[in-house]
C-alpha atoms as a PDB file:
ATOM      1  CA  MET A   1       8.642  14.667 -22.309  1.00  0.00           C
ATOM      2  CA  THR A   2      10.794  17.786 -22.195  1.00  0.00           C
ATOM      3  CA  SER A   3       8.321  20.617 -21.556  1.00  0.00           C
ATOM      4  CA  ALA A   4       4.726  21.320 -20.652  1.00  0.00           C
ATOM      5  CA  LEU A   5       3.043  22.709 -23.756  1.00  0.00           C
ATOM      6  CA  GLY A   6       3.803  22.396 -27.436  1.00  0.00           C
ATOM      7  CA  ILE A   7       2.065  24.345 -30.219  1.00  0.00           C
ATOM      8  CA  TRP A   8       2.000  23.037 -33.766  1.00  0.00           C
ATOM      9  CA  ILE A   9       0.796  24.793 -36.908  1.00  0.00           C
ATOM     10  CA  VAL A  10       0.520  23.630 -40.500  1.00  0.00           C
ATOM     11  CA  ARG A  11       0.337  26.932 -42.363  1.00  0.00           C
ATOM     12  CA  ALA A  12       2.553  30.005 -42.307  1.00  0.00           C
ATOM     13  CA  GLN A  13      -0.573  32.151 -41.948  1.00  0.00           C
ATOM     14  CA  ALA A  14      -1.130  30.656 -38.487  1.00  0.00           C
ATOM     15  CA  LYS A  15       2.280  31.639 -37.139  1.00  0.00           C
ATOM     16  CA  GLN A  16       1.024  34.878 -35.583  1.00  0.00           C
ATOM     17  CA  LEU A  17      -1.694  32.945 -33.761  1.00  0.00           C
ATOM     18  CA  GLY A  18       0.910  30.423 -32.680  1.00  0.00           C
ATOM     19  CA  ARG A  19       3.028  33.211 -31.202  1.00  0.00           C
ATOM     20  CA  LYS A  20      -0.009  34.545 -29.348  1.00  0.00           C
ATOM     21  CA  LEU A  21      -0.651  31.124 -27.842  1.00  0.00           C
ATOM     22  CA  GLU A  22       3.015  30.771 -26.994  1.00  0.00           C
ATOM     23  CA  ALA A  23       3.122  34.113 -25.177  1.00  0.00           C
ATOM     24  CA  GLY A  24      -0.270  33.820 -23.499  1.00  0.00           C
ATOM     25  CA  LEU A  25      -0.056  30.227 -22.311  1.00  0.00           C
ATOM     26  CA  GLY A  26       3.652  29.772 -21.780  1.00  0.00           C
ATOM     27  CA  GLY A  27       4.039  27.168 -24.493  1.00  0.00           C
ATOM     28  CA  LYS A  28       6.606  26.499 -27.201  1.00  0.00           C
ATOM     29  CA  LEU A  29       5.769  27.056 -30.850  1.00  0.00           C
ATOM     30  CA  CYS A  30       7.528  24.289 -32.748  1.00  0.00           C
ATOM     31  CA  ASP A  31       9.157  25.266 -36.022  1.00  0.00           C
ATOM     32  CA  TRP A  32       6.878  24.093 -38.806  1.00  0.00           C
ATOM     33  CA  GLN A  33       9.303  25.135 -41.563  1.00  0.00           C
ATOM     34  CA  ILE A  34      11.056  21.864 -42.099  1.00  0.00           C
ATOM     35  CA  ARG A  35      12.350  20.054 -45.137  1.00  0.00           C
ATOM     36  CA  ARG A  36      10.504  16.811 -44.610  1.00  0.00           C
ATOM     37  CA  SER A  37       6.878  15.926 -43.940  1.00  0.00           C
ATOM     38  CA  ASN A  38       5.218  18.149 -41.362  1.00  0.00           C
ATOM     39  CA  ARG A  39       3.278  15.135 -40.123  1.00  0.00           C
ATOM     40  CA  GLU A  40       6.435  13.049 -39.708  1.00  0.00           C
ATOM     41  CA  ALA A  41       8.075  15.868 -37.783  1.00  0.00           C
ATOM     42  CA  PHE A  42       5.093  16.096 -35.440  1.00  0.00           C
ATOM     43  CA  SER A  43       5.286  12.358 -34.874  1.00  0.00           C
ATOM     44  CA  ASP A  44       8.896  12.774 -33.745  1.00  0.00           C
ATOM     45  CA  HIS A  45       7.936  15.614 -31.377  1.00  0.00           C
ATOM     46  CA  PHE A  46       4.706  14.098 -30.022  1.00  0.00           C
ATOM     47  CA  ARG A  47       6.167  12.876 -26.733  1.00  0.00           C
ATOM     48  CA  HIS A  48       8.373  15.892 -26.164  1.00  0.00           C
ATOM     49  CA  HIS A  49       5.493  17.769 -24.488  1.00  0.00           C
ATOM     50  CA  ARG A  50       2.868  16.917 -21.885  1.00  0.00           C
ATOM     51  CA  GLN A  51       0.204  18.825 -23.814  1.00  0.00           C
ATOM     52  CA  TRP A  52      -0.346  20.026 -27.363  1.00  0.00           C
ATOM     53  CA  ILE A  53      -2.329  22.714 -29.125  1.00  0.00           C
ATOM     54  CA  LEU A  54      -2.748  21.785 -32.781  1.00  0.00           C
ATOM     55  CA  VAL A  55      -3.738  24.814 -34.865  1.00  0.00           C
ATOM     56  CA  MET A  56      -5.437  23.058 -37.745  1.00  0.00           C
ATOM     57  CA  ALA A  57      -8.670  21.451 -38.885  1.00  0.00           C
ATOM     58  CA  ALA A  58      -9.886  18.536 -36.778  1.00  0.00           C
ATOM     59  CA  GLY A  59      -9.569  16.144 -39.706  1.00  0.00           C
ATOM     60  CA  ILE A  60      -5.916  17.049 -40.197  1.00  0.00           C
ATOM     61  CA  ALA A  61      -5.305  16.618 -36.470  1.00  0.00           C
ATOM     62  CA  VAL A  62      -6.823  13.140 -36.523  1.00  0.00           C
ATOM     63  CA  ARG A  63      -4.468  12.130 -39.315  1.00  0.00           C
ATOM     64  CA  TYR A  64      -1.492  13.636 -37.487  1.00  0.00           C
ATOM     65  CA  LEU A  65      -2.352  11.628 -34.365  1.00  0.00           C
ATOM     66  CA  GLN A  66      -2.893   8.343 -36.184  1.00  0.00           C
ATOM     67  CA  GLY A  67      -0.855   5.601 -34.534  1.00  0.00           C
ATOM     68  CA  LEU A  68       0.642   7.855 -31.842  1.00  0.00           C
ATOM     69  CA  PRO A  69      -1.622   7.445 -28.758  1.00  0.00           C
ATOM     70  CA  THR A  70      -0.874   4.380 -26.658  1.00  0.00           C
ATOM     71  CA  ASN A  71      -2.238   4.888 -23.144  1.00  0.00           C
ATOM     72  CA  LYS A  72      -4.545   7.578 -21.754  1.00  0.00           C
ATOM     73  CA  ALA A  73      -2.524   7.632 -18.531  1.00  0.00           C
ATOM     74  CA  THR A  74       0.680   8.659 -20.319  1.00  0.00           C
ATOM     75  CA  ASP A  75      -0.351  10.209 -23.651  1.00  0.00           C
ATOM     76  CA  PRO A  76      -0.171  14.002 -23.963  1.00  0.00           C
ATOM     77  CA  GLY A  77      -3.396  15.969 -23.782  1.00  0.00           C
ATOM     78  CA  VAL A  78      -4.283  17.407 -27.202  1.00  0.00           C
ATOM     79  CA  VAL A  79      -6.494  20.384 -28.061  1.00  0.00           C
ATOM     80  CA  VAL A  80      -7.357  21.352 -31.637  1.00  0.00           C
ATOM     81  CA  LEU A  81      -7.913  25.030 -32.437  1.00  0.00           C
ATOM     82  CA  ASP A  82      -9.049  26.190 -35.857  1.00  0.00           C
ATOM     83  CA  GLU A  83      -7.197  29.144 -37.356  1.00  0.00           C
ATOM     84  CA  GLY A  84     -10.305  31.301 -37.067  1.00  0.00           C
ATOM     85  CA  CYS A  85     -10.332  30.724 -33.283  1.00  0.00           C
ATOM     86  CA  ARG A  86     -13.925  29.561 -33.329  1.00  0.00           C
ATOM     87  CA  PHE A  87     -13.614  26.283 -31.407  1.00  0.00           C
ATOM     88  CA  ALA A  88     -11.111  24.726 -29.002  1.00  0.00           C
ATOM     89  CA  VAL A  89     -11.694  20.965 -28.964  1.00  0.00           C
ATOM     90  CA  PRO A  90      -9.956  18.437 -26.689  1.00  0.00           C
ATOM     91  CA  LEU A  91      -9.229  15.426 -28.890  1.00  0.00           C
ATOM     92  CA  LEU A  92      -7.051  13.334 -26.605  1.00  0.00           C
ATOM     93  CA  CYS A  93      -6.782  12.817 -22.848  1.00  0.00           C
ATOM     94  CA  GLY A  94      -9.410  15.305 -21.738  1.00  0.00           C
ATOM     95  CA  HIS A  95      -9.126  14.233 -18.113  1.00  0.00           C
ATOM     96  CA  GLU A  96      -5.827  12.426 -17.637  1.00  0.00           C
ATOM     97  CA  GLY A  97      -3.825  14.745 -19.880  1.00  0.00           C
ATOM     98  CA  GLY A  98      -5.664  17.903 -18.865  1.00  0.00           C
ATOM     99  CA  ALA A  99      -6.917  18.670 -22.366  1.00  0.00           C
ATOM    100  CA  ASN A 100     -10.320  19.806 -21.097  1.00  0.00           C
ATOM    101  CA  GLU A 101      -8.731  22.395 -18.830  1.00  0.00           C
ATOM    102  CA  LEU A 102      -6.350  23.428 -21.599  1.00  0.00           C
ATOM    103  CA  ALA A 103      -9.292  23.964 -23.951  1.00  0.00           C
ATOM    104  CA  TYR A 104     -10.721  26.523 -21.528  1.00  0.00           C
ATOM    105  CA  ARG A 105      -7.366  28.292 -21.301  1.00  0.00           C
ATOM    106  CA  VAL A 106      -7.137  28.437 -25.085  1.00  0.00           C
ATOM    107  CA  ALA A 107     -10.732  29.621 -25.354  1.00  0.00           C
ATOM    108  CA  ASN A 108     -10.284  32.329 -22.746  1.00  0.00           C
ATOM    109  CA  LEU A 109      -7.211  33.645 -24.535  1.00  0.00           C
ATOM    110  CA  THR A 110      -8.583  33.574 -28.087  1.00  0.00           C
ATOM    111  CA  GLY A 111     -12.342  33.979 -27.689  1.00  0.00           C
ATOM    112  CA  ALA A 112     -13.017  30.482 -29.019  1.00  0.00           C
ATOM    113  CA  VAL A 113     -15.784  28.232 -27.712  1.00  0.00           C
ATOM    114  CA  PRO A 114     -14.481  25.267 -25.662  1.00  0.00           C
ATOM    115  CA  VAL A 115     -16.136  22.101 -26.973  1.00  0.00           C
ATOM    116  CA  ILE A 116     -15.983  19.516 -24.188  1.00  0.00           C
ATOM    117  CA  THR A 117     -17.285  16.075 -25.122  1.00  0.00           C
ATOM    118  CA  THR A 118     -16.320  13.863 -22.172  1.00  0.00           C
ATOM    119  CA  ALA A 119     -19.406  12.421 -20.481  1.00  0.00           C
ATOM    120  CA  THR A 120     -18.598  13.653 -16.979  1.00  0.00           C
ATOM    121  CA  GLU A 121     -18.710  17.294 -18.109  1.00  0.00           C
ATOM    122  CA  THR A 122     -21.478  17.125 -20.748  1.00  0.00           C
ATOM    123  CA  LEU A 123     -23.896  15.606 -18.263  1.00  0.00           C
ATOM    124  CA  LYS A 124     -23.508  18.582 -15.944  1.00  0.00           C
ATOM    125  CA  PRO A 125     -26.250  21.027 -16.916  1.00  0.00           C
ATOM    126  CA  LEU A 126     -25.568  24.170 -14.889  1.00  0.00           C
ATOM    127  CA  ILE A 127     -23.584  27.277 -15.750  1.00  0.00           C
ATOM    128  CA  VAL A 128     -23.217  29.841 -12.993  1.00  0.00           C
ATOM    129  CA  GLY A 129     -22.676  33.429 -14.061  1.00  0.00           C
ATOM    130  CA  VAL A 130     -20.761  35.525 -11.531  1.00  0.00           C
ATOM    131  CA  GLY A 131     -20.119  39.223 -11.171  1.00  0.00           C
ATOM    132  CA  CYS A 132     -18.320  40.572  -8.118  1.00  0.00           C
ATOM    133  CA  ARG A 133     -16.564  43.584  -6.698  1.00  0.00           C
ATOM    134  CA  LYS A 134     -12.787  43.654  -6.779  1.00  0.00           C
ATOM    135  CA  GLY A 135     -11.198  41.776  -3.909  1.00  0.00           C
ATOM    136  CA  THR A 136     -14.186  39.586  -3.074  1.00  0.00           C
ATOM    137  CA  SER A 137     -12.984  36.482  -1.242  1.00  0.00           C
ATOM    138  CA  ALA A 138     -13.388  32.920  -2.446  1.00  0.00           C
ATOM    139  CA  GLU A 139     -15.257  32.117   0.766  1.00  0.00           C
ATOM    140  CA  LYS A 140     -17.852  34.810   0.113  1.00  0.00           C
ATOM    141  CA  ILE A 141     -18.290  33.726  -3.513  1.00  0.00           C
ATOM    142  CA  SER A 142     -18.672  30.110  -2.386  1.00  0.00           C
ATOM    143  CA  ALA A 143     -21.312  30.930   0.221  1.00  0.00           C
ATOM    144  CA  ILE A 144     -23.361  33.034  -2.186  1.00  0.00           C
ATOM    145  CA  ILE A 145     -23.202  30.418  -4.966  1.00  0.00           C
ATOM    146  CA  ASP A 146     -24.278  27.721  -2.503  1.00  0.00           C
ATOM    147  CA  ASP A 147     -27.200  29.905  -1.422  1.00  0.00           C
ATOM    148  CA  ALA A 148     -28.187  30.478  -5.053  1.00  0.00           C
ATOM    149  CA  LEU A 149     -28.056  26.740  -5.738  1.00  0.00           C
ATOM    150  CA  SER A 150     -30.287  26.032  -2.754  1.00  0.00           C
ATOM    151  CA  LYS A 151     -32.911  28.395  -4.163  1.00  0.00           C
ATOM    152  CA  THR A 152     -33.187  26.175  -7.234  1.00  0.00           C
ATOM    153  CA  SER A 153     -32.793  22.876  -5.339  1.00  0.00           C
ATOM    154  CA  ARG A 154     -29.559  22.170  -7.217  1.00  0.00           C
ATOM    155  CA  ARG A 155     -26.137  20.943  -6.107  1.00  0.00           C
ATOM    156  CA  ARG A 156     -22.607  22.121  -6.733  1.00  0.00           C
ATOM    157  CA  ALA A 157     -21.882  18.777  -8.408  1.00  0.00           C
ATOM    158  CA  GLU A 158     -24.215  19.833 -11.238  1.00  0.00           C
ATOM    159  CA  ILE A 159     -22.122  22.881 -12.169  1.00  0.00           C
ATOM    160  CA  ARG A 160     -20.299  22.511 -15.467  1.00  0.00           C
ATOM    161  CA  GLU A 161     -18.516  25.846 -15.411  1.00  0.00           C
ATOM    162  CA  ILE A 162     -18.389  29.321 -13.916  1.00  0.00           C
ATOM    163  CA  ALA A 163     -18.751  32.225 -16.355  1.00  0.00           C
ATOM    164  CA  THR A 164     -17.713  35.852 -15.939  1.00  0.00           C
ATOM    165  CA  ILE A 165     -16.696  38.913 -17.951  1.00  0.00           C
ATOM    166  CA  ASP A 166     -13.133  39.331 -19.223  1.00  0.00           C
ATOM    167  CA  LEU A 167     -12.656  42.280 -16.872  1.00  0.00           C
ATOM    168  CA  LYS A 168     -12.761  39.735 -14.029  1.00  0.00           C
ATOM    169  CA  ALA A 169     -10.452  37.162 -15.624  1.00  0.00           C
ATOM    170  CA  GLN A 170      -7.780  37.706 -12.951  1.00  0.00           C
ATOM    171  CA  GLU A 171     -10.067  38.189  -9.962  1.00  0.00           C
ATOM    172  CA  SER A 172      -8.215  36.252  -7.267  1.00  0.00           C
ATOM    173  CA  GLY A 173     -11.245  35.174  -5.217  1.00  0.00           C
ATOM    174  CA  LEU A 174     -13.033  33.850  -8.282  1.00  0.00           C
ATOM    175  CA  LEU A 175      -9.945  32.006  -9.496  1.00  0.00           C
ATOM    176  CA  GLU A 176      -9.427  30.497  -6.055  1.00  0.00           C
ATOM    177  CA  TYR A 177     -13.036  29.353  -5.879  1.00  0.00           C
ATOM    178  CA  CYS A 178     -12.772  27.616  -9.261  1.00  0.00           C
ATOM    179  CA  GLN A 179      -9.455  25.971  -8.373  1.00  0.00           C
ATOM    180  CA  ARG A 180     -10.765  24.824  -5.012  1.00  0.00           C
ATOM    181  CA  HIS A 181     -13.801  23.125  -6.549  1.00  0.00           C
ATOM    182  CA  LEU A 182     -12.118  21.986  -9.789  1.00  0.00           C
ATOM    183  CA  LEU A 183     -14.435  24.088 -11.939  1.00  0.00           C
ATOM    184  CA  PRO A 184     -13.382  25.690 -15.228  1.00  0.00           C
ATOM    185  CA  LEU A 185     -13.703  29.458 -15.498  1.00  0.00           C
ATOM    186  CA  ARG A 186     -15.220  30.615 -18.793  1.00  0.00           C
ATOM    187  CA  ILE A 187     -14.294  34.158 -19.757  1.00  0.00           C
ATOM    188  CA  ILE A 188     -16.829  36.069 -21.869  1.00  0.00           C
ATOM    189  CA  PRO A 189     -15.507  39.114 -23.793  1.00  0.00           C
ATOM    190  CA  GLN A 190     -17.009  42.462 -22.848  1.00  0.00           C
ATOM    191  CA  ARG A 191     -17.738  43.233 -26.503  1.00  0.00           C
ATOM    192  CA  LEU A 192     -19.840  40.089 -26.798  1.00  0.00           C
ATOM    193  CA  ILE A 193     -21.914  41.089 -23.776  1.00  0.00           C
ATOM    194  CA  GLN A 194     -22.367  44.568 -25.237  1.00  0.00           C
ATOM    195  CA  ASP A 195     -23.730  42.991 -28.423  1.00  0.00           C
ATOM    196  CA  ARG A 196     -26.067  40.720 -26.449  1.00  0.00           C
ATOM    197  CA  PRO A 197     -27.166  42.551 -23.296  1.00  0.00           C
ATOM    198  CA  TRP A 198     -29.345  39.711 -22.043  1.00  0.00           C
ATOM    199  CA  VAL A 199     -30.328  41.041 -18.630  1.00  0.00           C
ATOM    200  CA  THR A 200     -33.605  40.980 -16.765  1.00  0.00           C
ATOM    201  CA  THR A 201     -32.826  44.273 -15.037  1.00  0.00           C
ATOM    202  CA  ALA A 202     -30.059  46.608 -16.161  1.00  0.00           C
ATOM    203  CA  SER A 203     -27.679  47.931 -13.525  1.00  0.00           C
ATOM    204  CA  ALA A 204     -26.542  51.557 -13.681  1.00  0.00           C
ATOM    205  CA  TRP A 205     -23.580  50.737 -11.404  1.00  0.00           C
ATOM    206  CA  VAL A 206     -22.409  47.904 -13.646  1.00  0.00           C
ATOM    207  CA  ARG A 207     -22.904  50.073 -16.718  1.00  0.00           C
ATOM    208  CA  GLU A 208     -20.712  52.785 -15.200  1.00  0.00           C
ATOM    209  CA  ASN A 209     -17.988  50.438 -13.964  1.00  0.00           C
ATOM    210  CA  ALA A 210     -17.973  47.650 -16.567  1.00  0.00           C
ATOM    211  CA  GLY A 211     -19.532  49.214 -19.636  1.00  0.00           C
ATOM    212  CA  VAL A 212     -22.347  46.658 -19.854  1.00  0.00           C
ATOM    213  CA  ASP A 213     -25.886  46.442 -18.473  1.00  0.00           C
ATOM    214  CA  GLY A 214     -25.134  43.312 -16.472  1.00  0.00           C
ATOM    215  CA  VAL A 215     -22.589  40.531 -16.040  1.00  0.00           C
ATOM    216  CA  CYS A 216     -23.871  37.360 -14.429  1.00  0.00           C
ATOM    217  CA  GLU A 217     -26.945  36.729 -16.620  1.00  0.00           C
ATOM    218  CA  PRO A 218     -25.429  37.372 -20.081  1.00  0.00           C
ATOM    219  CA  CYS A 219     -22.218  35.530 -19.169  1.00  0.00           C
ATOM    220  CA  ALA A 220     -24.121  32.427 -18.086  1.00  0.00           C
ATOM    221  CA  LEU A 221     -26.379  32.522 -21.155  1.00  0.00           C
ATOM    222  CA  LEU A 222     -23.536  33.155 -23.605  1.00  0.00           C
ATOM    223  CA  ALA A 223     -21.640  30.175 -22.194  1.00  0.00           C
ATOM    224  CA  THR A 224     -24.419  27.809 -23.305  1.00  0.00           C
ATOM    225  CA  PHE A 225     -25.863  26.668 -26.608  1.00  0.00           C
ATOM    226  CA  ARG A 226     -29.497  26.246 -25.584  1.00  0.00           C
ATOM    227  CA  GLY A 227     -29.509  27.521 -22.038  1.00  0.00           C
ATOM    228  CA  LYS A 228     -32.510  28.595 -19.983  1.00  0.00           C
ATOM    229  CA  LEU A 229     -32.270  31.050 -17.102  1.00  0.00           C
ATOM    230  CA  ILE A 230     -33.492  29.195 -14.007  1.00  0.00           C
ATOM    231  CA  LEU A 231     -32.288  31.774 -11.476  1.00  0.00           C
ATOM    232  CA  PRO A 232     -32.240  35.428 -12.555  1.00  0.00           C
ATOM    233  CA  LYS A 233     -29.661  37.745 -11.091  1.00  0.00           C
ATOM    234  CA  THR A 234     -29.523  37.612  -7.326  1.00  0.00           C
ATOM    235  CA  THR A 235     -27.184  39.974  -5.509  1.00  0.00           C
ATOM    236  CA  ASN A 236     -25.660  39.720  -2.066  1.00  0.00           C
ATOM    237  CA  ASP A 237     -22.878  41.797  -0.535  1.00  0.00           C
ATOM    238  CA  GLY A 238     -21.254  42.813  -3.819  1.00  0.00           C
ATOM    239  CA  VAL A 239     -21.670  39.447  -5.578  1.00  0.00           C
ATOM    240  CA  ALA A 240     -24.201  38.837  -8.375  1.00  0.00           C
ATOM    241  CA  ILE A 241     -25.161  35.292  -9.336  1.00  0.00           C
ATOM    242  CA  ALA A 242     -27.324  33.879 -12.128  1.00  0.00           C
ATOM    243  CA  ILE A 243     -27.848  30.200 -12.964  1.00  0.00           C
ATOM    244  CA  VAL A 244     -28.553  28.839 -16.436  1.00  0.00           C
ATOM    245  CA  GLU A 245     -29.446  25.254 -17.265  1.00  0.00           C
ATOM    246  CA  GLU A 246     -28.291  23.755 -20.534  1.00  0.00           C
ATOM    247  CA  ALA A 247     -30.930  21.744 -22.370  1.00  0.00           C
ATOM    248  CA  LEU A 248     -29.396  18.258 -22.598  1.00  0.00           C
ATOM    249  CA  GLU A 249     -32.157  16.618 -24.622  1.00  0.00           C
ATOM    250  CA  LEU A 250     -32.596  17.209 -28.337  1.00  0.00           C
END
């Protein structure tokens, strides 16, 4: 493998999206304009990268991958992203190849929903919404999340992801906390929160500084499909936490 991340498209209309992924994630957009079969060309390039983003329909991606995977310990991680940026789906090597983590990176850049299907993650029911003041340390965030979990008799091992507003996407303490505990950070766009201001109590301070009525509750709820708020917003020393539980049973 020659580089970390490859990006493959099948239509010229997706080239702008490919460039956005290339710039935002540090990948390499492979030239799709070739004289022979696009699928054959991808087959030749498959092992040139440790990870792939395939900008195409899932069915096309399955056909492109046919016969290529050999071992989950050495195969590249593969994420499929539709051209409309609706879903980012790890298809291959979610754990070993880092495709699950890559799906979150793709989703946070494009606004897509990360669709994680590996059992370890889907059996974790909790999403923790976090809002915090600039410069809040990872230690403080950790202590306040642990306290919030204790109030619901839950454990950190049950957390599937941490969710916050896009204005906090580069908050160092939050990023450090997620890295330390191997938790994905889900970024919710401000505009989406404005459209769905799901808060139990609006905050004038948050409205003035972030342009929304609240952060932790709507972020946690928007990160789920059928989530239920089990801990409304609780604030402590500049950190706001809300916990949502995903309904796992149909």
